[in-house]
Amino acid sequence: MKIIEEKISVSELKKIAENSFGDFVKAVVDIEREIMVIDAELHSDEEALLLQEGSIQNDLWGINIYPFNEADKMIEFDSMINIRPRQGNRSRGVEDSEIRNKILNIIKKNIVD
C-alpha cells in the first residue's frame, strides 16, 4: 500500500495495475486531507491505513482507477466501504455529486501523465 500525498504518474499506476488486478488499481480517497491510498487487495485495507494515519471515516471513499482508459473513463465509483446509510449513501457508488467532484479534483491534482 502506498499513500499518495503528491503526484503519481499514469505509467506508475499502469505498472501497479499490471502487478495486481491487471487493468485497475483500488484506491481510497480522503476528501478533506486530499490524499489517497493505492495498491491493496481490499479497499478496507486502504481505509484502515488512512484511519491509522488520522483520517476520519466520513471523509473516506473507495474508487477504482483504470489507468489504461482515457482520462474521462479512468475512475469508477464502486466500493463496499461506500455503503453508508447514515451519510445518505445506500449504494457501493458515491451518490452525492459534490463528493464525486471532490474525488475527481483530487485525482486530477494527484495523477499526471
PDB file of N, CA and C in Angstrom:
ATOM      1  N   MET A   1       0.846  -1.185   0.000  1.00  0.00           N
ATOM      2  CA  MET A   1       0.000   0.000   0.000  1.00  0.00           C
ATOM      3  C   MET A   1       0.883   1.238   0.000  1.00  0.00           C
ATOM      4  N   LYS A   2       0.368   2.261  -0.634  1.00  0.00           N
ATOM      5  CA  LYS A   2       1.143   3.486  -0.754  1.00  0.00           C
ATOM      6  C   LYS A   2       0.223   4.688  -0.583  1.00  0.00           C
ATOM      7  N   ILE A   3       0.595   5.588   0.334  1.00  0.00           N
ATOM      8  CA  ILE A   3      -0.155   6.829   0.497  1.00  0.00           C
ATOM      9  C   ILE A   3       0.356   7.826  -0.536  1.00  0.00           C
ATOM     10  N   ILE A   4      -0.583   8.399  -1.285  1.00  0.00           N
ATOM     11  CA  ILE A   4      -0.240   9.375  -2.318  1.00  0.00           C
ATOM     12  C   ILE A   4      -0.605  10.761  -1.791  1.00  0.00           C
ATOM     13  N   GLU A   5       0.410  11.519  -1.430  1.00  0.00           N
ATOM     14  CA  GLU A   5       0.210  12.887  -0.964  1.00  0.00           C
ATOM     15  C   GLU A   5       0.692  13.879  -2.010  1.00  0.00           C
ATOM     16  N   GLU A   6       1.470  13.385  -2.942  1.00  0.00           N
ATOM     17  CA  GLU A   6       1.980  14.191  -4.036  1.00  0.00           C
ATOM     18  C   GLU A   6       1.574  13.493  -5.330  1.00  0.00           C
ATOM     19  N   LYS A   7       2.121  13.880  -6.411  1.00  0.00           N
ATOM     20  CA  LYS A   7       1.711  13.350  -7.711  1.00  0.00           C
ATOM     21  C   LYS A   7       2.250  11.945  -7.978  1.00  0.00           C
ATOM     22  N   ILE A   8       1.460  11.187  -8.743  1.00  0.00           N
ATOM     23  CA  ILE A   8       1.869   9.870  -9.230  1.00  0.00           C
ATOM     24  C   ILE A   8       1.554   9.842 -10.723  1.00  0.00           C
ATOM     25  N   SER A   9       2.389   9.197 -11.503  1.00  0.00           N
ATOM     26  CA  SER A   9       2.187   9.173 -12.954  1.00  0.00           C
ATOM     27  C   SER A   9       1.244   8.045 -13.368  1.00  0.00           C
ATOM     28  N   VAL A  10       0.621   8.246 -14.503  1.00  0.00           N
ATOM     29  CA  VAL A  10      -0.243   7.217 -15.073  1.00  0.00           C
ATOM     30  C   VAL A  10       0.576   5.965 -15.362  1.00  0.00           C
ATOM     31  N   SER A  11       1.813   6.144 -15.833  1.00  0.00           N
ATOM     32  CA  SER A  11       2.645   4.973 -16.135  1.00  0.00           C
ATOM     33  C   SER A  11       2.950   4.167 -14.870  1.00  0.00           C
ATOM     34  N   GLU A  12       3.135   4.851 -13.733  1.00  0.00           N
ATOM     35  CA  GLU A  12       3.332   4.154 -12.470  1.00  0.00           C
ATOM     36  C   GLU A  12       2.084   3.365 -12.087  1.00  0.00           C
ATOM     37  N   LEU A  13       0.923   3.984 -12.276  1.00  0.00           N
ATOM     38  CA  LEU A  13      -0.343   3.309 -11.980  1.00  0.00           C
ATOM     39  C   LEU A  13      -0.542   2.094 -12.870  1.00  0.00           C
ATOM     40  N   LYS A  14      -0.123   2.200 -14.112  1.00  0.00           N
ATOM     41  CA  LYS A  14      -0.233   1.061 -15.031  1.00  0.00           C
ATOM     42  C   LYS A  14       0.602  -0.119 -14.534  1.00  0.00           C
ATOM     43  N   LYS A  15       1.807   0.157 -14.055  1.00  0.00           N
ATOM     44  CA  LYS A  15       2.673  -0.908 -13.529  1.00  0.00           C
ATOM     45  C   LYS A  15       2.045  -1.563 -12.303  1.00  0.00           C
ATOM     46  N   ILE A  16       1.481  -0.729 -11.424  1.00  0.00           N
ATOM     47  CA  ILE A  16       0.829  -1.259 -10.224  1.00  0.00           C
ATOM     48  C   ILE A  16      -0.359  -2.124 -10.620  1.00  0.00           C
ATOM     49  N   ALA A  17      -1.153  -1.658 -11.583  1.00  0.00           N
ATOM     50  CA  ALA A  17      -2.315  -2.419 -12.051  1.00  0.00           C
ATOM     51  C   ALA A  17      -1.888  -3.765 -12.625  1.00  0.00           C
ATOM     52  N   GLU A  18      -0.866  -3.753 -13.458  1.00  0.00           N
ATOM     53  CA  GLU A  18      -0.392  -4.990 -14.084  1.00  0.00           C
ATOM     54  C   GLU A  18       0.072  -6.008 -13.046  1.00  0.00           C
ATOM     55  N   ASN A  19       0.591  -5.528 -11.935  1.00  0.00           N
ATOM     56  CA  ASN A  19       1.084  -6.421 -10.887  1.00  0.00           C
ATOM     57  C   ASN A  19       0.005  -6.870  -9.914  1.00  0.00           C
ATOM     58  N   SER A  20      -1.210  -6.329 -10.048  1.00  0.00           N
ATOM     59  CA  SER A  20      -2.276  -6.738  -9.119  1.00  0.00           C
ATOM     60  C   SER A  20      -3.498  -7.242  -9.877  1.00  0.00           C
ATOM     61  N   PHE A  21      -4.420  -6.360 -10.220  1.00  0.00           N
ATOM     62  CA  PHE A  21      -5.674  -6.789 -10.839  1.00  0.00           C
ATOM     63  C   PHE A  21      -5.628  -6.818 -12.365  1.00  0.00           C
ATOM     64  N   GLY A  22      -4.546  -6.346 -12.950  1.00  0.00           N
ATOM     65  CA  GLY A  22      -4.400  -6.384 -14.401  1.00  0.00           C
ATOM     66  C   GLY A  22      -4.723  -5.080 -15.088  1.00  0.00           C
ATOM     67  N   ASP A  23      -5.927  -4.549 -14.852  1.00  0.00           N
ATOM     68  CA  ASP A  23      -6.312  -3.328 -15.562  1.00  0.00           C
ATOM     69  C   ASP A  23      -6.763  -2.192 -14.650  1.00  0.00           C
ATOM     70  N   PHE A  24      -6.767  -2.412 -13.342  1.00  0.00           N
ATOM     71  CA  PHE A  24      -7.167  -1.333 -12.440  1.00  0.00           C
ATOM     72  C   PHE A  24      -6.439  -1.409 -11.107  1.00  0.00           C
ATOM     73  N   VAL A  25      -6.536  -0.304 -10.372  1.00  0.00           N
ATOM     74  CA  VAL A  25      -5.927  -0.168  -9.051  1.00  0.00           C
ATOM     75  C   VAL A  25      -7.018   0.288  -8.096  1.00  0.00           C
ATOM     76  N   LYS A  26      -7.128  -0.363  -6.960  1.00  0.00           N
ATOM     77  CA  LYS A  26      -8.067   0.089  -5.936  1.00  0.00           C
ATOM     78  C   LYS A  26      -7.451   1.274  -5.202  1.00  0.00           C
ATOM     79  N   ALA A  27      -8.313   2.215  -4.814  1.00  0.00           N
ATOM     80  CA  ALA A  27      -7.844   3.394  -4.086  1.00  0.00           C
ATOM     81  C   ALA A  27      -8.912   3.845  -3.104  1.00  0.00           C
ATOM     82  N   VAL A  28      -8.471   4.471  -2.020  1.00  0.00           N
ATOM     83  CA  VAL A  28      -9.372   5.137  -1.087  1.00  0.00           C
ATOM     84  C   VAL A  28      -8.893   6.579  -0.989  1.00  0.00           C
ATOM     85  N   VAL A  29      -9.845   7.499  -1.160  1.00  0.00           N
ATOM     86  CA  VAL A  29      -9.544   8.926  -1.175  1.00  0.00           C
ATOM     87  C   VAL A  29     -10.080   9.581   0.090  1.00  0.00           C
ATOM     88  N   ASP A  30      -9.246  10.395   0.729  1.00  0.00           N
ATOM     89  CA  ASP A  30      -9.664  11.231   1.853  1.00  0.00           C
ATOM     90  C   ASP A  30      -9.983  12.600   1.265  1.00  0.00           C
ATOM     91  N   ILE A  31     -11.272  12.961   1.216  1.00  0.00           N
ATOM     92  CA  ILE A  31     -11.677  14.187   0.536  1.00  0.00           C
ATOM     93  C   ILE A  31     -11.351  15.452   1.327  1.00  0.00           C
ATOM     94  N   GLU A  32     -11.052  15.332   2.593  1.00  0.00           N
ATOM     95  CA  GLU A  32     -10.672  16.503   3.388  1.00  0.00           C
ATOM     96  C   GLU A  32      -9.164  16.730   3.370  1.00  0.00           C
ATOM     97  N   ARG A  33      -8.406  15.680   3.533  1.00  0.00           N
ATOM     98  CA  ARG A  33      -6.939  15.795   3.539  1.00  0.00           C
ATOM     99  C   ARG A  33      -6.371  15.816   2.118  1.00  0.00           C
ATOM    100  N   GLU A  34      -7.218  15.471   1.138  1.00  0.00           N
ATOM    101  CA  GLU A  34      -6.851  15.451  -0.281  1.00  0.00           C
ATOM    102  C   GLU A  34      -5.663  14.524  -0.561  1.00  0.00           C
ATOM    103  N   ILE A  35      -5.733  13.339   0.056  1.00  0.00           N
ATOM    104  CA  ILE A  35      -4.730  12.307  -0.189  1.00  0.00           C
ATOM    105  C   ILE A  35      -5.460  11.010  -0.528  1.00  0.00           C
ATOM    106  N   MET A  36      -4.710  10.027  -0.982  1.00  0.00           N
ATOM    107  CA  MET A  36      -5.317   8.726  -1.259  1.00  0.00           C
ATOM    108  C   MET A  36      -4.306   7.625  -1.003  1.00  0.00           C
ATOM    109  N   VAL A  37      -4.832   6.423  -0.829  1.00  0.00           N
ATOM    110  CA  VAL A  37      -4.007   5.231  -0.701  1.00  0.00           C
ATOM    111  C   VAL A  37      -4.324   4.341  -1.891  1.00  0.00           C
ATOM    112  N   ILE A  38      -3.288   3.764  -2.455  1.00  0.00           N
ATOM    113  CA  ILE A  38      -3.455   2.847  -3.587  1.00  0.00           C
ATOM    114  C   ILE A  38      -2.728   1.542  -3.303  1.00  0.00           C
ATOM    115  N   ASP A  39      -3.007   0.568  -4.146  1.00  0.00           N
ATOM    116  CA  ASP A  39      -2.253  -0.685  -4.202  1.00  0.00           C
ATOM    117  C   ASP A  39      -2.503  -1.612  -3.014  1.00  0.00           C
ATOM    118  N   ALA A  40      -3.762  -2.006  -2.867  1.00  0.00           N
ATOM    119  CA  ALA A  40      -4.112  -3.027  -1.881  1.00  0.00           C
ATOM    120  C   ALA A  40      -5.154  -3.941  -2.508  1.00  0.00           C
ATOM    121  N   GLU A  41      -5.279  -5.113  -1.962  1.00  0.00           N
ATOM    122  CA  GLU A  41      -6.263  -6.065  -2.464  1.00  0.00           C
ATOM    123  C   GLU A  41      -7.685  -5.632  -2.119  1.00  0.00           C
ATOM    124  N   LEU A  42      -7.831  -4.972  -0.961  1.00  0.00           N
ATOM    125  CA  LEU A  42      -9.157  -4.555  -0.499  1.00  0.00           C
ATOM    126  C   LEU A  42      -9.191  -3.069  -0.181  1.00  0.00           C
ATOM    127  N   HIS A  43     -10.300  -2.419  -0.531  1.00  0.00           N
ATOM    128  CA  HIS A  43     -10.490  -1.023  -0.138  1.00  0.00           C
ATOM    129  C   HIS A  43     -10.440  -0.879   1.384  1.00  0.00           C
ATOM    130  N   SER A  44     -10.952  -1.869   2.092  1.00  0.00           N
ATOM    131  CA  SER A  44     -10.987  -1.789   3.553  1.00  0.00           C
ATOM    132  C   SER A  44      -9.583  -1.747   4.157  1.00  0.00           C
ATOM    133  N   ASP A  45      -8.602  -2.371   3.517  1.00  0.00           N
ATOM    134  CA  ASP A  45      -7.218  -2.285   3.998  1.00  0.00           C
ATOM    135  C   ASP A  45      -6.685  -0.859   3.839  1.00  0.00           C
ATOM    136  N   GLU A  46      -6.987  -0.253   2.704  1.00  0.00           N
ATOM    137  CA  GLU A  46      -6.554   1.123   2.455  1.00  0.00           C
ATOM    138  C   GLU A  46      -7.249   2.081   3.423  1.00  0.00           C
ATOM    139  N   GLU A  47      -8.530   1.837   3.636  1.00  0.00           N
ATOM    140  CA  GLU A  47      -9.301   2.641   4.579  1.00  0.00           C
ATOM    141  C   GLU A  47      -8.679   2.551   5.980  1.00  0.00           C
ATOM    142  N   ALA A  48      -8.325   1.350   6.409  1.00  0.00           N
ATOM    143  CA  ALA A  48      -7.729   1.147   7.732  1.00  0.00           C
ATOM    144  C   ALA A  48      -6.412   1.911   7.872  1.00  0.00           C
ATOM    145  N   LEU A  49      -5.604   1.909   6.823  1.00  0.00           N
ATOM    146  CA  LEU A  49      -4.337   2.638   6.861  1.00  0.00           C
ATOM    147  C   LEU A  49      -4.582   4.135   7.043  1.00  0.00           C
ATOM    148  N   LEU A  50      -5.529   4.685   6.283  1.00  0.00           N
ATOM    149  CA  LEU A  50      -5.808   6.116   6.416  1.00  0.00           C
ATOM    150  C   LEU A  50      -6.376   6.456   7.787  1.00  0.00           C
ATOM    151  N   LEU A  51      -7.200   5.578   8.338  1.00  0.00           N
ATOM    152  CA  LEU A  51      -7.718   5.807   9.689  1.00  0.00           C
ATOM    153  C   LEU A  51      -6.582   5.818  10.705  1.00  0.00           C
ATOM    154  N   GLN A  52      -5.625   4.926  10.539  1.00  0.00           N
ATOM    155  CA  GLN A  52      -4.439   4.899  11.416  1.00  0.00           C
ATOM    156  C   GLN A  52      -3.626   6.180  11.302  1.00  0.00           C
ATOM    157  N   GLU A  53      -3.666   6.765  10.108  1.00  0.00           N
ATOM    158  CA  GLU A  53      -2.892   7.980   9.840  1.00  0.00           C
ATOM    159  C   GLU A  53      -3.664   9.259  10.165  1.00  0.00           C
ATOM    160  N   GLY A  54      -4.833   9.128  10.822  1.00  0.00           N
ATOM    161  CA  GLY A  54      -5.553  10.308  11.291  1.00  0.00           C
ATOM    162  C   GLY A  54      -6.753  10.745  10.476  1.00  0.00           C
ATOM    163  N   SER A  55      -7.098  10.013   9.443  1.00  0.00           N
ATOM    164  CA  SER A  55      -8.282  10.367   8.658  1.00  0.00           C
ATOM    165  C   SER A  55      -9.557  10.065   9.436  1.00  0.00           C
ATOM    166  N   ILE A  56     -10.650  10.663   9.005  1.00  0.00           N
ATOM    167  CA  ILE A  56     -11.963  10.463   9.613  1.00  0.00           C
ATOM    168  C   ILE A  56     -12.809   9.630   8.654  1.00  0.00           C
ATOM    169  N   GLN A  57     -13.488   8.632   9.171  1.00  0.00           N
ATOM    170  CA  GLN A  57     -14.285   7.691   8.379  1.00  0.00           C
ATOM    171  C   GLN A  57     -15.184   8.384   7.345  1.00  0.00           C
ATOM    172  N   ASN A  58     -15.896   9.422   7.753  1.00  0.00           N
ATOM    173  CA  ASN A  58     -16.848  10.082   6.855  1.00  0.00           C
ATOM    174  C   ASN A  58     -16.184  10.705   5.631  1.00  0.00           C
ATOM    175  N   ASP A  59     -14.869  10.911   5.679  1.00  0.00           N
ATOM    176  CA  ASP A  59     -14.144  11.552   4.576  1.00  0.00           C
ATOM    177  C   ASP A  59     -13.538  10.559   3.595  1.00  0.00           C
ATOM    178  N   LEU A  60     -13.680   9.261   3.856  1.00  0.00           N
ATOM    179  CA  LEU A  60     -13.011   8.240   3.045  1.00  0.00           C
ATOM    180  C   LEU A  60     -13.974   7.582   2.066  1.00  0.00           C
ATOM    181  N   TRP A  61     -13.555   7.520   0.809  1.00  0.00           N
ATOM    182  CA  TRP A  61     -14.393   6.950  -0.254  1.00  0.00           C
ATOM    183  C   TRP A  61     -13.554   6.043  -1.135  1.00  0.00           C
ATOM    184  N   GLY A  62     -14.111   4.874  -1.456  1.00  0.00           N
ATOM    185  CA  GLY A  62     -13.411   3.900  -2.281  1.00  0.00           C
ATOM    186  C   GLY A  62     -13.720   4.062  -3.755  1.00  0.00           C
ATOM    187  N   ILE A  63     -12.680   3.955  -4.562  1.00  0.00           N
ATOM    188  CA  ILE A  63     -12.811   4.035  -6.017  1.00  0.00           C
ATOM    189  C   ILE A  63     -11.893   3.000  -6.657  1.00  0.00           C
ATOM    190  N   ASN A  64     -12.054   2.837  -7.955  1.00  0.00           N
ATOM    191  CA  ASN A  64     -11.133   2.041  -8.759  1.00  0.00           C
ATOM    192  C   ASN A  64     -10.586   2.950  -9.846  1.00  0.00           C
ATOM    193  N   ILE A  65      -9.289   2.858 -10.079  1.00  0.00           N
ATOM    194  CA  ILE A  65      -8.638   3.669 -11.113  1.00  0.00           C
ATOM    195  C   ILE A  65      -8.214   2.743 -12.241  1.00  0.00           C
ATOM    196  N   TYR A  66      -8.662   3.062 -13.451  1.00  0.00           N
ATOM    197  CA  TYR A  66      -8.330   2.296 -14.649  1.00  0.00           C
ATOM    198  C   TYR A  66      -7.332   3.114 -15.478  1.00  0.00           C
ATOM    199  N   PRO A  67      -6.034   2.968 -15.215  1.00  0.00           N
ATOM    200  CA  PRO A  67      -5.043   3.828 -15.858  1.00  0.00           C
ATOM    201  C   PRO A  67      -4.879   3.617 -17.360  1.00  0.00           C
ATOM    202  N   PHE A  68      -5.406   2.515 -17.894  1.00  0.00           N
ATOM    203  CA  PHE A  68      -5.301   2.265 -19.332  1.00  0.00           C
ATOM    204  C   PHE A  68      -6.442   2.932 -20.106  1.00  0.00           C
ATOM    205  N   ASN A  69      -7.435   3.449 -19.391  1.00  0.00           N
ATOM    206  CA  ASN A  69      -8.572   4.131 -20.021  1.00  0.00           C
ATOM    207  C   ASN A  69      -8.257   5.596 -20.260  1.00  0.00           C
ATOM    208  N   GLU A  70      -9.089   6.207 -21.099  1.00  0.00           N
ATOM    209  CA  GLU A  70      -8.988   7.653 -21.299  1.00  0.00           C
ATOM    210  C   GLU A  70      -9.319   8.345 -19.982  1.00  0.00           C
ATOM    211  N   ALA A  71      -8.851   9.576 -19.816  1.00  0.00           N
ATOM    212  CA  ALA A  71      -8.992  10.306 -18.555  1.00  0.00           C
ATOM    213  C   ALA A  71     -10.441  10.363 -18.057  1.00  0.00           C
ATOM    214  N   ASP A  72     -11.399  10.573 -18.948  1.00  0.00           N
ATOM    215  CA  ASP A  72     -12.798  10.705 -18.520  1.00  0.00           C
ATOM    216  C   ASP A  72     -13.448   9.368 -18.170  1.00  0.00           C
ATOM    217  N   LYS A  73     -12.740   8.258 -18.422  1.00  0.00           N
ATOM    218  CA  LYS A  73     -13.267   6.929 -18.099  1.00  0.00           C
ATOM    219  C   LYS A  73     -12.334   6.175 -17.151  1.00  0.00           C
ATOM    220  N   MET A  74     -11.467   6.919 -16.481  1.00  0.00           N
ATOM    221  CA  MET A  74     -10.455   6.300 -15.637  1.00  0.00           C
ATOM    222  C   MET A  74     -10.982   5.941 -14.242  1.00  0.00           C
ATOM    223  N   ILE A  75     -11.988   6.659 -13.743  1.00  0.00           N
ATOM    224  CA  ILE A  75     -12.445   6.480 -12.367  1.00  0.00           C
ATOM    225  C   ILE A  75     -13.790   5.762 -12.310  1.00  0.00           C
ATOM    226  N   GLU A  76     -13.849   4.756 -11.456  1.00  0.00           N
ATOM    227  CA  GLU A  76     -15.089   4.028 -11.192  1.00  0.00           C
ATOM    228  C   GLU A  76     -15.397   4.190  -9.698  1.00  0.00           C
ATOM    229  N   PHE A  77     -16.574   4.695  -9.403  1.00  0.00           N
ATOM    230  CA  PHE A  77     -17.012   4.876  -8.024  1.00  0.00           C
ATOM    231  C   PHE A  77     -17.726   3.612  -7.573  1.00  0.00           C
ATOM    232  N   ASP A  78     -16.965   2.659  -7.037  1.00  0.00           N
ATOM    233  CA  ASP A  78     -17.548   1.373  -6.653  1.00  0.00           C
ATOM    234  C   ASP A  78     -16.718   0.732  -5.553  1.00  0.00           C
ATOM    235  N   SER A  79     -17.291   0.665  -4.356  1.00  0.00           N
ATOM    236  CA  SER A  79     -16.606   0.022  -3.243  1.00  0.00           C
ATOM    237  C   SER A  79     -17.602  -0.285  -2.135  1.00  0.00           C
ATOM    238  N   MET A  80     -17.379  -1.398  -1.481  1.00  0.00           N
ATOM    239  CA  MET A  80     -18.222  -1.762  -0.332  1.00  0.00           C
ATOM    240  C   MET A  80     -18.115  -0.731   0.791  1.00  0.00           C
ATOM    241  N   ILE A  81     -16.965  -0.076   0.930  1.00  0.00           N
ATOM    242  CA  ILE A  81     -16.817   0.892   2.028  1.00  0.00           C
ATOM    243  C   ILE A  81     -17.688   2.130   1.815  1.00  0.00           C
ATOM    244  N   ASN A  82     -18.226   2.297   0.610  1.00  0.00           N
ATOM    245  CA  ASN A  82     -19.067   3.464   0.323  1.00  0.00           C
ATOM    246  C   ASN A  82     -20.502   3.300   0.814  1.00  0.00           C
ATOM    247  N   ILE A  83     -20.893   2.104   1.194  1.00  0.00           N
ATOM    248  CA  ILE A  83     -22.262   1.885   1.674  1.00  0.00           C
ATOM    249  C   ILE A  83     -22.363   2.488   3.066  1.00  0.00           C
ATOM    250  N   ARG A  84     -23.047   3.633   3.140  1.00  0.00           N
ATOM    251  CA  ARG A  84     -23.159   4.385   4.404  1.00  0.00           C
ATOM    252  C   ARG A  84     -24.532   5.017   4.533  1.00  0.00           C
ATOM    253  N   PRO A  85     -25.506   4.254   4.940  1.00  0.00           N
ATOM    254  CA  PRO A  85     -26.848   4.814   5.075  1.00  0.00           C
ATOM    255  C   PRO A  85     -26.903   6.041   5.984  1.00  0.00           C
ATOM    256  N   ARG A  86     -26.088   6.071   7.023  1.00  0.00           N
ATOM    257  CA  ARG A  86     -26.108   7.213   7.950  1.00  0.00           C
ATOM    258  C   ARG A  86     -25.654   8.505   7.268  1.00  0.00           C
ATOM    259  N   GLN A  87     -24.920   8.383   6.181  1.00  0.00           N
ATOM    260  CA  GLN A  87     -24.484   9.543   5.406  1.00  0.00           C
ATOM    261  C   GLN A  87     -25.329   9.716   4.144  1.00  0.00           C
ATOM    262  N   GLY A  88     -26.395   8.937   4.034  1.00  0.00           N
ATOM    263  CA  GLY A  88     -27.260   9.043   2.866  1.00  0.00           C
ATOM    264  C   GLY A  88     -26.727   8.346   1.632  1.00  0.00           C
ATOM    265  N   ASN A  89     -25.723   7.524   1.776  1.00  0.00           N
ATOM    266  CA  ASN A  89     -25.160   6.787   0.635  1.00  0.00           C
ATOM    267  C   ASN A  89     -25.504   5.319   0.806  1.00  0.00           C
ATOM    268  N   ARG A  90     -26.481   4.854   0.064  1.00  0.00           N
ATOM    269  CA  ARG A  90     -27.000   3.498   0.242  1.00  0.00           C
ATOM    270  C   ARG A  90     -26.482   2.505  -0.797  1.00  0.00           C
ATOM    271  N   SER A  91     -25.527   2.922  -1.603  1.00  0.00           N
ATOM    272  CA  SER A  91     -25.006   2.021  -2.636  1.00  0.00           C
ATOM    273  C   SER A  91     -23.485   1.955  -2.554  1.00  0.00           C
ATOM    274  N   ARG A  92     -22.906   1.103  -3.395  1.00  0.00           N
ATOM    275  CA  ARG A  92     -21.453   0.979  -3.478  1.00  0.00           C
ATOM    276  C   ARG A  92     -20.839   2.157  -4.224  1.00  0.00           C
ATOM    277  N   GLY A  93     -21.662   2.918  -4.911  1.00  0.00           N
ATOM    278  CA  GLY A  93     -21.189   4.101  -5.625  1.00  0.00           C
ATOM    279  C   GLY A  93     -21.072   5.285  -4.679  1.00  0.00           C
ATOM    280  N   VAL A  94     -20.843   6.457  -5.252  1.00  0.00           N
ATOM    281  CA  VAL A  94     -20.832   7.704  -4.483  1.00  0.00           C
ATOM    282  C   VAL A  94     -21.976   8.534  -5.033  1.00  0.00           C
ATOM    283  N   GLU A  95     -23.073   8.600  -4.282  1.00  0.00           N
ATOM    284  CA  GLU A  95     -24.303   9.199  -4.775  1.00  0.00           C
ATOM    285  C   GLU A  95     -24.292  10.726  -4.769  1.00  0.00           C
ATOM    286  N   ASP A  96     -23.556  11.343  -3.865  1.00  0.00           N
ATOM    287  CA  ASP A  96     -23.520  12.800  -3.744  1.00  0.00           C
ATOM    288  C   ASP A  96     -22.581  13.383  -4.799  1.00  0.00           C
ATOM    289  N   SER A  97     -23.118  14.217  -5.695  1.00  0.00           N
ATOM    290  CA  SER A  97     -22.312  14.776  -6.784  1.00  0.00           C
ATOM    291  C   SER A  97     -21.198  15.683  -6.264  1.00  0.00           C
ATOM    292  N   GLU A  98     -21.405  16.345  -5.143  1.00  0.00           N
ATOM    293  CA  GLU A  98     -20.360  17.196  -4.565  1.00  0.00           C
ATOM    294  C   GLU A  98     -19.166  16.352  -4.111  1.00  0.00           C
ATOM    295  N   ILE A  99     -19.441  15.223  -3.491  1.00  0.00           N
ATOM    296  CA  ILE A  99     -18.359  14.323  -3.057  1.00  0.00           C
ATOM    297  C   ILE A  99     -17.650  13.733  -4.273  1.00  0.00           C
ATOM    298  N   ARG A 100     -18.419  13.314  -5.287  1.00  0.00           N
ATOM    299  CA  ARG A 100     -17.803  12.789  -6.517  1.00  0.00           C
ATOM    300  C   ARG A 100     -16.867  13.827  -7.134  1.00  0.00           C
ATOM    301  N   ASN A 101     -17.319  15.077  -7.183  1.00  0.00           N
ATOM    302  CA  ASN A 101     -16.486  16.141  -7.763  1.00  0.00           C
ATOM    303  C   ASN A 101     -15.223  16.374  -6.953  1.00  0.00           C
ATOM    304  N   LYS A 102     -15.317  16.305  -5.619  1.00  0.00           N
ATOM    305  CA  LYS A 102     -14.127  16.442  -4.775  1.00  0.00           C
ATOM    306  C   LYS A 102     -13.137  15.328  -5.090  1.00  0.00           C
ATOM    307  N   ILE A 103     -13.647  14.109  -5.211  1.00  0.00           N
ATOM    308  CA  ILE A 103     -12.781  12.970  -5.530  1.00  0.00           C
ATOM    309  C   ILE A 103     -12.101  13.183  -6.877  1.00  0.00           C
ATOM    310  N   LEU A 104     -12.872  13.569  -7.875  1.00  0.00           N
ATOM    311  CA  LEU A 104     -12.310  13.784  -9.213  1.00  0.00           C
ATOM    312  C   LEU A 104     -11.250  14.879  -9.202  1.00  0.00           C
ATOM    313  N   ASN A 105     -11.478  15.950  -8.446  1.00  0.00           N
ATOM    314  CA  ASN A 105     -10.483  17.025  -8.370  1.00  0.00           C
ATOM    315  C   ASN A 105      -9.204  16.560  -7.699  1.00  0.00           C
ATOM    316  N   ILE A 106      -9.316  15.733  -6.686  1.00  0.00           N
ATOM    317  CA  ILE A 106      -8.130  15.182  -6.013  1.00  0.00           C
ATOM    318  C   ILE A 106      -7.366  14.279  -6.980  1.00  0.00           C
ATOM    319  N   ILE A 107      -8.100  13.472  -7.735  1.00  0.00           N
ATOM    320  CA  ILE A 107      -7.466  12.594  -8.724  1.00  0.00           C
ATOM    321  C   ILE A 107      -6.750  13.425  -9.780  1.00  0.00           C
ATOM    322  N   LYS A 108      -7.409  14.461 -10.292  1.00  0.00           N
ATOM    323  CA  LYS A 108      -6.787  15.310 -11.313  1.00  0.00           C
ATOM    324  C   LYS A 108      -5.520  15.977 -10.783  1.00  0.00           C
ATOM    325  N   LYS A 109      -5.529  16.343  -9.505  1.00  0.00           N
ATOM    326  CA  LYS A 109      -4.384  17.003  -8.896  1.00  0.00           C
ATOM    327  C   LYS A 109      -3.222  16.032  -8.679  1.00  0.00           C
ATOM    328  N   ASN A 110      -3.538  14.787  -8.385  1.00  0.00           N
ATOM    329  CA  ASN A 110      -2.509  13.818  -7.969  1.00  0.00           C
ATOM    330  C   ASN A 110      -2.031  12.863  -9.051  1.00  0.00           C
ATOM    331  N   ILE A 111      -2.778  12.710 -10.138  1.00  0.00           N
ATOM    332  CA  ILE A 111      -2.354  11.800 -11.208  1.00  0.00           C
ATOM    333  C   ILE A 111      -1.952  12.620 -12.425  1.00  0.00           C
ATOM    334  N   VAL A 112      -0.715  12.420 -12.867  1.00  0.00           N
ATOM    335  CA  VAL A 112      -0.191  13.179 -14.007  1.00  0.00           C
ATOM    336  C   VAL A 112       0.226  12.218 -15.120  1.00  0.00           C
ATOM    337  N   ASP A 113       0.319  12.746 -16.321  1.00  0.00           N
ATOM    338  CA  ASP A 113       0.724  11.931 -17.482  1.00  0.00           C
ATOM    339  C   ASP A 113       2.166  11.591 -17.474  1.00  0.00           C
TER     340      ASP A 113
END
